[in-house]
């Protein structure tokens, strides 16, 4: 039996095997995992590839959809109901193109923007706590921010 060559694309992915009873096997840790654990692995930044143990078929997409369904069951809503209706009603190639090309890129842009905003806000808070006197001069009402950050009122400082 010829050994399958690993491509550069596959080498960075964590291989998960799915068995007939829907059990998932993490080949890295050599242990069975559930859908919640798989969701955590993905959220932690790992790319996974799920392979059917019998057919050797890539079933990653189906398993990730199942993970989303499991989260929906636990009241962790990911997709709005109206969106699901629209998705089922629209069966055009343009929609597939949209999902393949634009939705992923848009979501990545959103995540980068959110991360940048979080970093800038964190930096601003650090600066505010380090030099509240500077903020009082630059921003009207900064003394309120100082009270919030330090827990002291202006009268307490004197």
C-alpha atoms as a PDB file:
ATOM      1  CA  UNK A   1       0.000   0.000   0.000  1.00  0.00           C
ATOM      2  CA  UNK A   2       1.486   3.325  -1.088  1.00  0.00           C
ATOM      3  CA  UNK A   3       1.831   5.952   1.579  1.00  0.00           C
ATOM      4  CA  UNK A   4       0.022   9.202   0.840  1.00  0.00           C
ATOM      5  CA  UNK A   5       2.405  12.135   0.527  1.00  0.00           C
ATOM      6  CA  UNK A   6       1.693  15.071   2.761  1.00  0.00           C
ATOM      7  CA  UNK A   7       1.349  18.353   0.963  1.00  0.00           C
ATOM      8  CA  UNK A   8       2.405  21.658   2.503  1.00  0.00           C
ATOM      9  CA  UNK A   9      -1.270  22.501   2.903  1.00  0.00           C
ATOM     10  CA  UNK A  10      -2.046  19.295   4.817  1.00  0.00           C
ATOM     11  CA  UNK A  11       1.028  19.402   7.095  1.00  0.00           C
ATOM     12  CA  UNK A  12      -0.322  22.288   9.198  1.00  0.00           C
ATOM     13  CA  UNK A  13      -3.699  20.650   9.792  1.00  0.00           C
ATOM     14  CA  UNK A  14      -4.591  18.498  12.738  1.00  0.00           C
ATOM     15  CA  UNK A  15      -6.013  15.217  11.434  1.00  0.00           C
ATOM     16  CA  UNK A  16      -9.205  14.011  13.066  1.00  0.00           C
ATOM     17  CA  UNK A  17     -10.675  10.643  12.127  1.00  0.00           C
ATOM     18  CA  UNK A  18     -14.438  10.181  12.157  1.00  0.00           C
ATOM     19  CA  UNK A  19     -15.685   6.680  12.797  1.00  0.00           C
ATOM     20  CA  UNK A  20     -19.037   5.188  11.759  1.00  0.00           C
ATOM     21  CA  UNK A  21     -20.559   5.833  15.162  1.00  0.00           C
ATOM     22  CA  UNK A  22     -19.759   9.568  14.746  1.00  0.00           C
ATOM     23  CA  UNK A  23     -16.909   9.329  17.234  1.00  0.00           C
ATOM     24  CA  UNK A  24     -14.019  11.652  16.546  1.00  0.00           C
ATOM     25  CA  UNK A  25     -10.419  10.595  17.103  1.00  0.00           C
ATOM     26  CA  UNK A  26      -7.652  13.185  17.505  1.00  0.00           C
ATOM     27  CA  UNK A  27      -4.583  11.643  15.863  1.00  0.00           C
ATOM     28  CA  UNK A  28      -2.235  14.067  17.611  1.00  0.00           C
ATOM     29  CA  UNK A  29      -3.296  13.275  21.180  1.00  0.00           C
ATOM     30  CA  UNK A  30      -4.385   9.738  20.293  1.00  0.00           C
ATOM     31  CA  UNK A  31      -7.679  10.158  22.108  1.00  0.00           C
ATOM     32  CA  UNK A  32     -11.358  10.467  21.330  1.00  0.00           C
ATOM     33  CA  UNK A  33     -12.893  13.922  21.437  1.00  0.00           C
ATOM     34  CA  UNK A  34     -16.437  15.265  21.354  1.00  0.00           C
ATOM     35  CA  UNK A  35     -17.888  18.129  19.302  1.00  0.00           C
ATOM     36  CA  UNK A  36     -17.328  20.685  22.079  1.00  0.00           C
ATOM     37  CA  UNK A  37     -13.662  19.736  22.280  1.00  0.00           C
ATOM     38  CA  UNK A  38     -13.354  19.993  18.494  1.00  0.00           C
ATOM     39  CA  UNK A  39     -14.929  23.458  18.640  1.00  0.00           C
ATOM     40  CA  UNK A  40     -12.362  24.478  21.276  1.00  0.00           C
ATOM     41  CA  UNK A  41      -9.495  23.179  19.134  1.00  0.00           C
ATOM     42  CA  UNK A  42     -10.726  25.253  16.192  1.00  0.00           C
ATOM     43  CA  UNK A  43     -11.343  28.335  18.371  1.00  0.00           C
ATOM     44  CA  UNK A  44      -7.810  28.023  19.713  1.00  0.00           C
ATOM     45  CA  UNK A  45      -6.575  28.525  16.152  1.00  0.00           C
ATOM     46  CA  UNK A  46      -5.874  25.020  14.866  1.00  0.00           C
ATOM     47  CA  UNK A  47      -6.919  24.053  11.365  1.00  0.00           C
ATOM     48  CA  UNK A  48      -8.331  20.561  11.241  1.00  0.00           C
ATOM     49  CA  UNK A  49      -9.044  18.032   8.555  1.00  0.00           C
ATOM     50  CA  UNK A  50     -11.611  15.370   9.349  1.00  0.00           C
ATOM     51  CA  UNK A  51     -11.206  12.105   7.471  1.00  0.00           C
ATOM     52  CA  UNK A  52     -13.795   9.331   7.381  1.00  0.00           C
ATOM     53  CA  UNK A  53     -12.040   6.261   8.789  1.00  0.00           C
ATOM     54  CA  UNK A  54     -13.691   3.868   6.328  1.00  0.00           C
ATOM     55  CA  UNK A  55     -13.788   5.749   3.027  1.00  0.00           C
ATOM     56  CA  UNK A  56     -10.807   8.075   3.712  1.00  0.00           C
ATOM     57  CA  UNK A  57     -13.027  10.876   2.361  1.00  0.00           C
ATOM     58  CA  UNK A  58     -12.536  14.435   3.641  1.00  0.00           C
ATOM     59  CA  UNK A  59     -15.655  15.165   5.721  1.00  0.00           C
ATOM     60  CA  UNK A  60     -14.374  18.342   7.388  1.00  0.00           C
ATOM     61  CA  UNK A  61     -17.192  20.567   6.155  1.00  0.00           C
ATOM     62  CA  UNK A  62     -19.932  18.167   7.314  1.00  0.00           C
ATOM     63  CA  UNK A  63     -18.353  17.772  10.759  1.00  0.00           C
ATOM     64  CA  UNK A  64     -17.885  21.535  11.214  1.00  0.00           C
ATOM     65  CA  UNK A  65     -21.543  22.047  10.304  1.00  0.00           C
ATOM     66  CA  UNK A  66     -22.404  19.399  12.906  1.00  0.00           C
ATOM     67  CA  UNK A  67     -20.328  21.308  15.480  1.00  0.00           C
ATOM     68  CA  UNK A  68     -22.366  24.441  14.714  1.00  0.00           C
ATOM     69  CA  UNK A  69     -25.597  22.421  15.049  1.00  0.00           C
ATOM     70  CA  UNK A  70     -24.475  21.091  18.427  1.00  0.00           C
ATOM     71  CA  UNK A  71     -23.809  24.651  19.590  1.00  0.00           C
ATOM     72  CA  UNK A  72     -27.255  25.693  18.372  1.00  0.00           C
ATOM     73  CA  UNK A  73     -28.755  22.906  20.503  1.00  0.00           C
ATOM     74  CA  UNK A  74     -26.954  24.365  23.524  1.00  0.00           C
ATOM     75  CA  UNK A  75     -28.473  27.813  22.871  1.00  0.00           C
ATOM     76  CA  UNK A  76     -25.205  29.245  21.569  1.00  0.00           C
ATOM     77  CA  UNK A  77     -26.757  30.736  18.458  1.00  0.00           C
ATOM     78  CA  UNK A  78     -24.341  31.255  15.611  1.00  0.00           C
ATOM     79  CA  UNK A  79     -26.589  31.766  12.598  1.00  0.00           C
ATOM     80  CA  UNK A  80     -29.790  33.830  12.603  1.00  0.00           C
ATOM     81  CA  UNK A  81     -32.930  31.964  11.526  1.00  0.00           C
ATOM     82  CA  UNK A  82     -33.710  34.467   8.759  1.00  0.00           C
ATOM     83  CA  UNK A  83     -30.265  33.897   7.280  1.00  0.00           C
ATOM     84  CA  UNK A  84     -30.865  30.130   7.226  1.00  0.00           C
ATOM     85  CA  UNK A  85     -34.177  30.648   5.390  1.00  0.00           C
ATOM     86  CA  UNK A  86     -32.452  32.861   2.824  1.00  0.00           C
ATOM     87  CA  UNK A  87     -29.658  30.356   2.367  1.00  0.00           C
ATOM     88  CA  UNK A  88     -32.055  27.480   1.729  1.00  0.00           C
ATOM     89  CA  UNK A  89     -34.202  29.508  -0.661  1.00  0.00           C
ATOM     90  CA  UNK A  90     -31.287  30.690  -2.790  1.00  0.00           C
ATOM     91  CA  UNK A  91     -29.635  27.973  -4.869  1.00  0.00           C
ATOM     92  CA  UNK A  92     -27.677  30.067  -7.346  1.00  0.00           C
ATOM     93  CA  UNK A  93     -24.041  29.873  -8.361  1.00  0.00           C
ATOM     94  CA  UNK A  94     -23.603  33.505  -7.346  1.00  0.00           C
ATOM     95  CA  UNK A  95     -24.418  32.602  -3.749  1.00  0.00           C
ATOM     96  CA  UNK A  96     -21.814  29.839  -3.788  1.00  0.00           C
ATOM     97  CA  UNK A  97     -19.305  32.314  -5.234  1.00  0.00           C
ATOM     98  CA  UNK A  98     -20.209  34.798  -2.508  1.00  0.00           C
ATOM     99  CA  UNK A  99     -19.563  32.232   0.234  1.00  0.00           C
ATOM    100  CA  UNK A 100     -16.356  30.923  -1.300  1.00  0.00           C
ATOM    101  CA  UNK A 101     -14.770  34.272  -2.049  1.00  0.00           C
ATOM    102  CA  UNK A 102     -16.351  37.143  -0.210  1.00  0.00           C
ATOM    103  CA  UNK A 103     -17.847  35.956   3.062  1.00  0.00           C
ATOM    104  CA  UNK A 104     -14.614  34.446   4.339  1.00  0.00           C
ATOM    105  CA  UNK A 105     -12.575  37.505   3.334  1.00  0.00           C
ATOM    106  CA  UNK A 106     -15.132  39.843   4.927  1.00  0.00           C
ATOM    107  CA  UNK A 107     -15.139  37.866   8.157  1.00  0.00           C
ATOM    108  CA  UNK A 108     -11.322  37.851   8.265  1.00  0.00           C
ATOM    109  CA  UNK A 109     -11.325  41.634   7.751  1.00  0.00           C
ATOM    110  CA  UNK A 110     -13.845  41.991  10.599  1.00  0.00           C
ATOM    111  CA  UNK A 111     -11.666  39.874  12.923  1.00  0.00           C
ATOM    112  CA  UNK A 112      -8.536  41.908  12.082  1.00  0.00           C
ATOM    113  CA  UNK A 113     -10.387  45.184  12.636  1.00  0.00           C
ATOM    114  CA  UNK A 114     -11.774  43.951  15.956  1.00  0.00           C
ATOM    115  CA  UNK A 115      -8.317  42.838  17.080  1.00  0.00           C
ATOM    116  CA  UNK A 116      -6.813  46.204  16.098  1.00  0.00           C
ATOM    117  CA  UNK A 117      -9.577  48.072  17.940  1.00  0.00           C
ATOM    118  CA  UNK A 118      -9.071  45.898  21.042  1.00  0.00           C
ATOM    119  CA  UNK A 119      -5.310  46.531  20.947  1.00  0.00           C
ATOM    120  CA  UNK A 120      -5.745  50.291  20.563  1.00  0.00           C
ATOM    121  CA  UNK A 121      -8.357  50.440  23.331  1.00  0.00           C
ATOM    122  CA  UNK A 122      -6.113  48.420  25.652  1.00  0.00           C
ATOM    123  CA  UNK A 123      -3.198  50.771  24.873  1.00  0.00           C
ATOM    124  CA  UNK A 124      -5.387  53.789  25.571  1.00  0.00           C
ATOM    125  CA  UNK A 125      -6.468  52.344  28.923  1.00  0.00           C
ATOM    126  CA  UNK A 126      -2.857  51.638  29.859  1.00  0.00           C
ATOM    127  CA  UNK A 127      -1.876  55.181  28.951  1.00  0.00           C
ATOM    128  CA  UNK A 128      -4.838  56.567  30.871  1.00  0.00           C
ATOM    129  CA  UNK A 129      -3.925  54.698  34.024  1.00  0.00           C
ATOM    130  CA  UNK A 130      -0.236  55.626  33.686  1.00  0.00           C
ATOM    131  CA  UNK A 131      -0.697  59.342  33.043  1.00  0.00           C
ATOM    132  CA  UNK A 132      -4.161  60.513  34.097  1.00  0.00           C
ATOM    133  CA  UNK A 133      -2.965  64.124  34.416  1.00  0.00           C
ATOM    134  CA  UNK A 134      -2.206  64.205  30.677  1.00  0.00           C
ATOM    135  CA  UNK A 135      -5.692  62.964  29.863  1.00  0.00           C
ATOM    136  CA  UNK A 136      -7.277  65.601  32.083  1.00  0.00           C
ATOM    137  CA  UNK A 137      -5.635  68.291  29.942  1.00  0.00           C
ATOM    138  CA  UNK A 138      -6.463  66.675  26.587  1.00  0.00           C
ATOM    139  CA  UNK A 139      -9.958  65.313  27.101  1.00  0.00           C
ATOM    140  CA  UNK A 140     -12.763  67.134  28.890  1.00  0.00           C
ATOM    141  CA  UNK A 141     -14.276  64.859  31.500  1.00  0.00           C
ATOM    142  CA  UNK A 142     -11.134  62.756  31.819  1.00  0.00           C
ATOM    143  CA  UNK A 143     -11.305  63.102  35.583  1.00  0.00           C
ATOM    144  CA  UNK A 144     -14.343  60.818  35.488  1.00  0.00           C
ATOM    145  CA  UNK A 145     -12.276  58.228  33.570  1.00  0.00           C
ATOM    146  CA  UNK A 146      -9.525  58.616  36.177  1.00  0.00           C
ATOM    147  CA  UNK A 147     -12.035  57.967  38.969  1.00  0.00           C
ATOM    148  CA  UNK A 148     -13.246  54.847  37.202  1.00  0.00           C
ATOM    149  CA  UNK A 149      -9.755  53.511  36.555  1.00  0.00           C
ATOM    150  CA  UNK A 150      -8.218  54.317  39.932  1.00  0.00           C
ATOM    151  CA  UNK A 151     -11.294  54.034  42.122  1.00  0.00           C
ATOM    152  CA  UNK A 152     -10.392  57.364  43.750  1.00  0.00           C
ATOM    153  CA  UNK A 153     -12.250  60.628  43.573  1.00  0.00           C
ATOM    154  CA  UNK A 154     -10.345  63.857  42.972  1.00  0.00           C
ATOM    155  CA  UNK A 155     -10.992  64.900  46.589  1.00  0.00           C
ATOM    156  CA  UNK A 156      -9.347  61.646  47.788  1.00  0.00           C
ATOM    157  CA  UNK A 157      -6.038  62.597  46.125  1.00  0.00           C
ATOM    158  CA  UNK A 158      -5.637  65.771  48.193  1.00  0.00           C
END
